[in-house]
Amino acid sequence: MDNYPKDLAPEFEDSGAVKTPFDVWWARVRSSFPNVPEDVAREWLHRHWKHSPYCYLTSKSYLFDLKKWPKLTNIRTLWSDFKADNEGARRKGKELVDLKPGWMPYVPKYMLEHHRFPAPIILLDNRDGHHNKDYPQEKKLPRAYVLMEGHTRFNTGIYLKSIGKLEQADAWLMTRM
């Protein structure tokens, strides 16, 4: 978010992984992101610093509300080229769930065991189409709920939901102020 200001960046390992522990980093930068809840900062800003396709969004323009999300089919994602059927996301979720246990990443393994997300996904409420007006130079987004962060959780979740193995989906909903 906020185009990842260089002076707020955590330190990185040579591999590109974030080196600065979240609690240390968040204590230093929290005041620069007053609308961003700690969980959103952990999952989106800290973990994906410089790697989000939505880095240009201005954090002070949004409120974040934690919601129980009743269905996933009303969310659009880049994984499915924002198509309503979410087939690309569902296919990737099945691929992750079908991996052999020793090869299965943490997220699908957790979701198979607990039937919920390990952390809420983050959604942009763009049903009013504000994104395309506010950010005309960026890729156009549909008038819908659009997945900002949590693509592996979403992909796994939409597949598990389709086979009756996802009981709960939580989401941070970003609404324009």
C-alpha atoms as a PDB file:
ATOM      1  CA  MET A   1       0.000   0.000   0.000  1.00  0.00           C
ATOM      2  CA  ASP A   2       0.973   3.628  -0.339  1.00  0.00           C
ATOM      3  CA  ASN A   3       3.574   2.500  -2.924  1.00  0.00           C
ATOM      4  CA  TYR A   4       5.696   1.006  -0.142  1.00  0.00           C
ATOM      5  CA  PRO A   5       7.672   4.052   1.027  1.00  0.00           C
ATOM      6  CA  LYS A   6      11.388   3.214   1.161  1.00  0.00           C
ATOM      7  CA  ASP A   7      11.862   4.793   4.585  1.00  0.00           C
ATOM      8  CA  LEU A   8       9.209   2.429   6.046  1.00  0.00           C
ATOM      9  CA  ALA A   9      10.567  -0.781   4.516  1.00  0.00           C
ATOM     10  CA  PRO A  10      11.584  -3.684   6.720  1.00  0.00           C
ATOM     11  CA  GLU A  11      15.046  -5.179   6.255  1.00  0.00           C
ATOM     12  CA  PHE A  12      15.322  -8.125   3.855  1.00  0.00           C
ATOM     13  CA  GLU A  13      17.393 -11.298   3.693  1.00  0.00           C
ATOM     14  CA  ASP A  14      19.560 -11.905   0.606  1.00  0.00           C
ATOM     15  CA  SER A  15      16.850 -14.348  -0.524  1.00  0.00           C
ATOM     16  CA  GLY A  16      14.283 -11.523  -0.538  1.00  0.00           C
ATOM     17  CA  ALA A  17      12.480 -12.725   2.581  1.00  0.00           C
ATOM     18  CA  VAL A  18      11.601 -10.136   5.210  1.00  0.00           C
ATOM     19  CA  LYS A  19      14.253 -10.135   7.943  1.00  0.00           C
ATOM     20  CA  THR A  20      12.819  -7.569  10.364  1.00  0.00           C
ATOM     21  CA  PRO A  21      10.387  -9.250  12.786  1.00  0.00           C
ATOM     22  CA  PHE A  22       6.841  -7.976  12.347  1.00  0.00           C
ATOM     23  CA  ASP A  23       6.472  -6.643  15.911  1.00  0.00           C
ATOM     24  CA  VAL A  24       9.673  -4.598  15.617  1.00  0.00           C
ATOM     25  CA  TRP A  25       8.736  -3.238  12.204  1.00  0.00           C
ATOM     26  CA  TRP A  26       5.099  -2.481  13.120  1.00  0.00           C
ATOM     27  CA  ALA A  27       6.096  -0.577  16.276  1.00  0.00           C
ATOM     28  CA  ARG A  28       8.258   1.656  14.068  1.00  0.00           C
ATOM     29  CA  VAL A  29       5.782   2.287  11.203  1.00  0.00           C
ATOM     30  CA  ARG A  30       2.297   1.919  12.729  1.00  0.00           C
ATOM     31  CA  SER A  31       1.658   5.673  12.820  1.00  0.00           C
ATOM     32  CA  SER A  32       2.225   5.864   9.041  1.00  0.00           C
ATOM     33  CA  PHE A  33      -0.695   3.471   8.447  1.00  0.00           C
ATOM     34  CA  PRO A  34      -3.337   4.683  10.943  1.00  0.00           C
ATOM     35  CA  ASN A  35      -6.299   2.980   9.206  1.00  0.00           C
ATOM     36  CA  VAL A  36      -4.576  -0.379   8.737  1.00  0.00           C
ATOM     37  CA  PRO A  37      -5.336  -3.038  11.368  1.00  0.00           C
ATOM     38  CA  GLU A  38      -2.386  -4.988  12.742  1.00  0.00           C
ATOM     39  CA  ASP A  39      -3.511  -8.250  11.072  1.00  0.00           C
ATOM     40  CA  VAL A  40      -3.725  -6.533   7.674  1.00  0.00           C
ATOM     41  CA  ALA A  41      -0.293  -5.011   8.204  1.00  0.00           C
ATOM     42  CA  ARG A  42       1.138  -8.437   9.078  1.00  0.00           C
ATOM     43  CA  GLU A  43      -0.384 -10.354   6.158  1.00  0.00           C
ATOM     44  CA  TRP A  44      -0.233  -7.726   3.429  1.00  0.00           C
ATOM     45  CA  LEU A  45       2.261  -4.977   4.152  1.00  0.00           C
ATOM     46  CA  HIS A  46       4.980  -6.840   6.027  1.00  0.00           C
ATOM     47  CA  ARG A  47       4.829 -10.253   4.320  1.00  0.00           C
ATOM     48  CA  HIS A  48       4.388  -8.864   0.808  1.00  0.00           C
ATOM     49  CA  TRP A  49       6.391  -5.655   0.964  1.00  0.00           C
ATOM     50  CA  LYS A  50       7.082  -4.582  -2.649  1.00  0.00           C
ATOM     51  CA  HIS A  51       5.325  -7.682  -4.051  1.00  0.00           C
ATOM     52  CA  SER A  52       1.624  -6.768  -4.182  1.00  0.00           C
ATOM     53  CA  PRO A  53       0.028  -5.861  -7.510  1.00  0.00           C
ATOM     54  CA  TYR A  54      -2.103  -3.434  -5.474  1.00  0.00           C
ATOM     55  CA  CYS A  55       0.788  -1.540  -3.875  1.00  0.00           C
ATOM     56  CA  TYR A  56      -0.525   1.775  -5.199  1.00  0.00           C
ATOM     57  CA  LEU A  57      -3.699   1.799  -3.054  1.00  0.00           C
ATOM     58  CA  THR A  58      -3.728   4.648  -0.545  1.00  0.00           C
ATOM     59  CA  SER A  59      -4.287   3.263   2.944  1.00  0.00           C
ATOM     60  CA  LYS A  60      -5.785   6.460   4.374  1.00  0.00           C
ATOM     61  CA  SER A  61      -8.614   6.201   1.817  1.00  0.00           C
ATOM     62  CA  TYR A  62      -9.993   2.986   3.290  1.00  0.00           C
ATOM     63  CA  LEU A  63     -11.639   1.582   6.379  1.00  0.00           C
ATOM     64  CA  PHE A  64     -11.097  -2.082   7.257  1.00  0.00           C
ATOM     65  CA  ASP A  65     -13.820  -4.220   8.834  1.00  0.00           C
ATOM     66  CA  LEU A  66     -13.414  -7.866   9.827  1.00  0.00           C
ATOM     67  CA  LYS A  67     -16.337  -9.898   8.464  1.00  0.00           C
ATOM     68  CA  LYS A  68     -17.513 -13.496   8.440  1.00  0.00           C
ATOM     69  CA  TRP A  69     -17.768 -14.113   4.699  1.00  0.00           C
ATOM     70  CA  PRO A  70     -20.732 -16.382   3.895  1.00  0.00           C
ATOM     71  CA  LYS A  71     -19.676 -17.353   0.388  1.00  0.00           C
ATOM     72  CA  LEU A  72     -16.611 -17.004  -1.758  1.00  0.00           C
ATOM     73  CA  THR A  73     -18.320 -17.069  -5.142  1.00  0.00           C
ATOM     74  CA  ASN A  74     -19.024 -13.322  -5.051  1.00  0.00           C
ATOM     75  CA  ILE A  75     -15.302 -12.468  -4.933  1.00  0.00           C
ATOM     76  CA  ARG A  76     -13.265 -11.716  -8.067  1.00  0.00           C
ATOM     77  CA  THR A  77      -9.569 -12.539  -8.297  1.00  0.00           C
ATOM     78  CA  LEU A  78      -6.683 -11.963 -10.638  1.00  0.00           C
ATOM     79  CA  TRP A  79      -6.134 -15.750 -10.570  1.00  0.00           C
ATOM     80  CA  SER A  80      -9.343 -16.145 -12.598  1.00  0.00           C
ATOM     81  CA  ASP A  81      -8.894 -12.982 -14.689  1.00  0.00           C
ATOM     82  CA  PHE A  82     -11.711 -11.518 -12.541  1.00  0.00           C
ATOM     83  CA  LYS A  83     -14.238 -13.905 -14.124  1.00  0.00           C
ATOM     84  CA  ALA A  84     -17.306 -14.709 -12.039  1.00  0.00           C
ATOM     85  CA  ASP A  85     -16.857 -18.481 -12.273  1.00  0.00           C
ATOM     86  CA  ASN A  86     -13.484 -18.334 -10.433  1.00  0.00           C
ATOM     87  CA  GLU A  87     -12.442 -21.466 -12.324  1.00  0.00           C
ATOM     88  CA  GLY A  88      -8.734 -20.563 -12.349  1.00  0.00           C
ATOM     89  CA  ALA A  89      -8.712 -20.085  -8.581  1.00  0.00           C
ATOM     90  CA  ARG A  90     -10.690 -23.294  -7.966  1.00  0.00           C
ATOM     91  CA  ARG A  91      -8.352 -25.276 -10.242  1.00  0.00           C
ATOM     92  CA  LYS A  92      -5.267 -23.933  -8.390  1.00  0.00           C
ATOM     93  CA  GLY A  93      -6.905 -24.722  -5.039  1.00  0.00           C
ATOM     94  CA  LYS A  94      -7.548 -28.322  -6.117  1.00  0.00           C
ATOM     95  CA  GLU A  95      -3.947 -28.602  -7.299  1.00  0.00           C
ATOM     96  CA  LEU A  96      -2.697 -27.456  -3.867  1.00  0.00           C
ATOM     97  CA  VAL A  97      -5.027 -29.775  -1.951  1.00  0.00           C
ATOM     98  CA  ASP A  98      -4.098 -32.750  -4.145  1.00  0.00           C
ATOM     99  CA  LEU A  99      -0.364 -32.457  -3.405  1.00  0.00           C
ATOM    100  CA  LYS A 100       1.146 -35.316  -1.452  1.00  0.00           C
ATOM    101  CA  PRO A 101       1.273 -34.565   2.302  1.00  0.00           C
ATOM    102  CA  GLY A 102       5.056 -34.092   2.343  1.00  0.00           C
ATOM    103  CA  TRP A 103       4.814 -31.575  -0.504  1.00  0.00           C
ATOM    104  CA  MET A 104       1.678 -29.751   0.621  1.00  0.00           C
ATOM    105  CA  PRO A 105       2.278 -26.141   1.698  1.00  0.00           C
ATOM    106  CA  TYR A 106       1.220 -24.925   5.130  1.00  0.00           C
ATOM    107  CA  VAL A 107      -1.952 -23.102   3.995  1.00  0.00           C
ATOM    108  CA  PRO A 108      -3.843 -25.974   2.324  1.00  0.00           C
ATOM    109  CA  LYS A 109      -2.676 -28.367   5.053  1.00  0.00           C
ATOM    110  CA  TYR A 110      -4.011 -26.029   7.753  1.00  0.00           C
ATOM    111  CA  MET A 111      -7.282 -25.512   5.896  1.00  0.00           C
ATOM    112  CA  LEU A 112      -7.854 -29.230   5.422  1.00  0.00           C
ATOM    113  CA  GLU A 113      -7.335 -29.790   9.157  1.00  0.00           C
ATOM    114  CA  HIS A 114      -9.272 -26.776  10.482  1.00  0.00           C
ATOM    115  CA  HIS A 115     -11.846 -26.083   7.712  1.00  0.00           C
ATOM    116  CA  ARG A 116     -11.124 -22.341   7.808  1.00  0.00           C
ATOM    117  CA  PHE A 117      -8.529 -19.788   6.747  1.00  0.00           C
ATOM    118  CA  PRO A 118      -5.397 -19.483   8.925  1.00  0.00           C
ATOM    119  CA  ALA A 119      -5.800 -15.691   8.576  1.00  0.00           C
ATOM    120  CA  PRO A 120      -8.557 -13.576   6.985  1.00  0.00           C
ATOM    121  CA  ILE A 121      -8.262 -12.695   3.325  1.00  0.00           C
ATOM    122  CA  ILE A 122      -8.337  -9.007   2.354  1.00  0.00           C
ATOM    123  CA  LEU A 123     -11.019  -7.726  -0.027  1.00  0.00           C
ATOM    124  CA  LEU A 124     -11.641  -4.404  -1.723  1.00  0.00           C
ATOM    125  CA  ASP A 125     -15.299  -3.397  -1.997  1.00  0.00           C
ATOM    126  CA  ASN A 126     -15.283  -1.962  -5.503  1.00  0.00           C
ATOM    127  CA  ARG A 127     -18.976  -2.467  -6.218  1.00  0.00           C
ATOM    128  CA  ASP A 128     -19.280   1.306  -6.703  1.00  0.00           C
ATOM    129  CA  GLY A 129     -16.469   1.284  -9.292  1.00  0.00           C
ATOM    130  CA  HIS A 130     -14.397   3.851  -7.366  1.00  0.00           C
ATOM    131  CA  HIS A 131     -11.107   2.079  -8.078  1.00  0.00           C
ATOM    132  CA  ASN A 132     -11.147   2.810 -11.792  1.00  0.00           C
ATOM    133  CA  LYS A 133     -11.919   6.497 -11.162  1.00  0.00           C
ATOM    134  CA  ASP A 134      -9.412   6.907  -8.311  1.00  0.00           C
ATOM    135  CA  TYR A 135      -6.598   4.994 -10.047  1.00  0.00           C
ATOM    136  CA  PRO A 136      -7.160   5.491 -13.810  1.00  0.00           C
ATOM    137  CA  GLN A 137      -3.552   4.586 -14.671  1.00  0.00           C
ATOM    138  CA  GLU A 138      -3.880   1.107 -13.076  1.00  0.00           C
ATOM    139  CA  LYS A 139      -5.404  -2.087 -14.400  1.00  0.00           C
ATOM    140  CA  LYS A 140      -9.190  -1.857 -14.371  1.00  0.00           C
ATOM    141  CA  LEU A 141     -10.975  -3.803 -11.639  1.00  0.00           C
ATOM    142  CA  PRO A 142     -14.541  -5.121 -11.848  1.00  0.00           C
ATOM    143  CA  ARG A 143     -17.423  -3.630  -9.888  1.00  0.00           C
ATOM    144  CA  ALA A 144     -17.293  -6.362  -7.294  1.00  0.00           C
ATOM    145  CA  TYR A 145     -15.518  -7.577  -4.186  1.00  0.00           C
ATOM    146  CA  VAL A 146     -11.916  -7.948  -5.369  1.00  0.00           C
ATOM    147  CA  LEU A 147      -9.276 -10.072  -3.636  1.00  0.00           C
ATOM    148  CA  MET A 148      -6.304  -7.925  -2.605  1.00  0.00           C
ATOM    149  CA  GLU A 149      -4.332 -10.390  -0.457  1.00  0.00           C
ATOM    150  CA  GLY A 150      -4.686 -14.032   0.473  1.00  0.00           C
ATOM    151  CA  HIS A 151      -4.592 -15.675  -2.931  1.00  0.00           C
ATOM    152  CA  THR A 152      -3.410 -19.088  -1.716  1.00  0.00           C
ATOM    153  CA  ARG A 153      -6.026 -19.037   1.068  1.00  0.00           C
ATOM    154  CA  PHE A 154      -8.719 -17.989  -1.377  1.00  0.00           C
ATOM    155  CA  ASN A 155      -7.765 -20.524  -4.058  1.00  0.00           C
ATOM    156  CA  THR A 156      -7.681 -23.342  -1.526  1.00  0.00           C
ATOM    157  CA  GLY A 157     -10.846 -22.079   0.149  1.00  0.00           C
ATOM    158  CA  ILE A 158     -12.967 -21.786  -2.977  1.00  0.00           C
ATOM    159  CA  TYR A 159     -12.049 -25.352  -3.903  1.00  0.00           C
ATOM    160  CA  LEU A 160     -12.692 -26.684  -0.386  1.00  0.00           C
ATOM    161  CA  LYS A 161     -16.017 -24.814  -0.264  1.00  0.00           C
ATOM    162  CA  SER A 162     -17.042 -26.468  -3.539  1.00  0.00           C
ATOM    163  CA  ILE A 163     -16.555 -29.919  -1.980  1.00  0.00           C
ATOM    164  CA  GLY A 164     -18.101 -29.021   1.394  1.00  0.00           C
ATOM    165  CA  LYS A 165     -14.849 -28.851   3.381  1.00  0.00           C
ATOM    166  CA  LEU A 166     -14.676 -25.154   4.282  1.00  0.00           C
ATOM    167  CA  GLU A 167     -16.801 -24.138   7.249  1.00  0.00           C
ATOM    168  CA  GLN A 168     -15.683 -20.571   7.865  1.00  0.00           C
ATOM    169  CA  ALA A 169     -14.184 -17.791   5.788  1.00  0.00           C
ATOM    170  CA  ASP A 170     -13.158 -14.508   7.370  1.00  0.00           C
ATOM    171  CA  ALA A 171     -12.250 -11.391   5.430  1.00  0.00           C
ATOM    172  CA  TRP A 172     -10.993  -7.901   6.069  1.00  0.00           C
ATOM    173  CA  LEU A 173     -13.254  -5.739   3.914  1.00  0.00           C
ATOM    174  CA  MET A 174     -11.740  -2.497   2.621  1.00  0.00           C
ATOM    175  CA  THR A 175     -14.341   0.180   2.010  1.00  0.00           C
ATOM    176  CA  ARG A 176     -13.617   3.600   0.594  1.00  0.00           C
ATOM    177  CA  MET A 177     -14.042   6.431   3.084  1.00  0.00           C
END
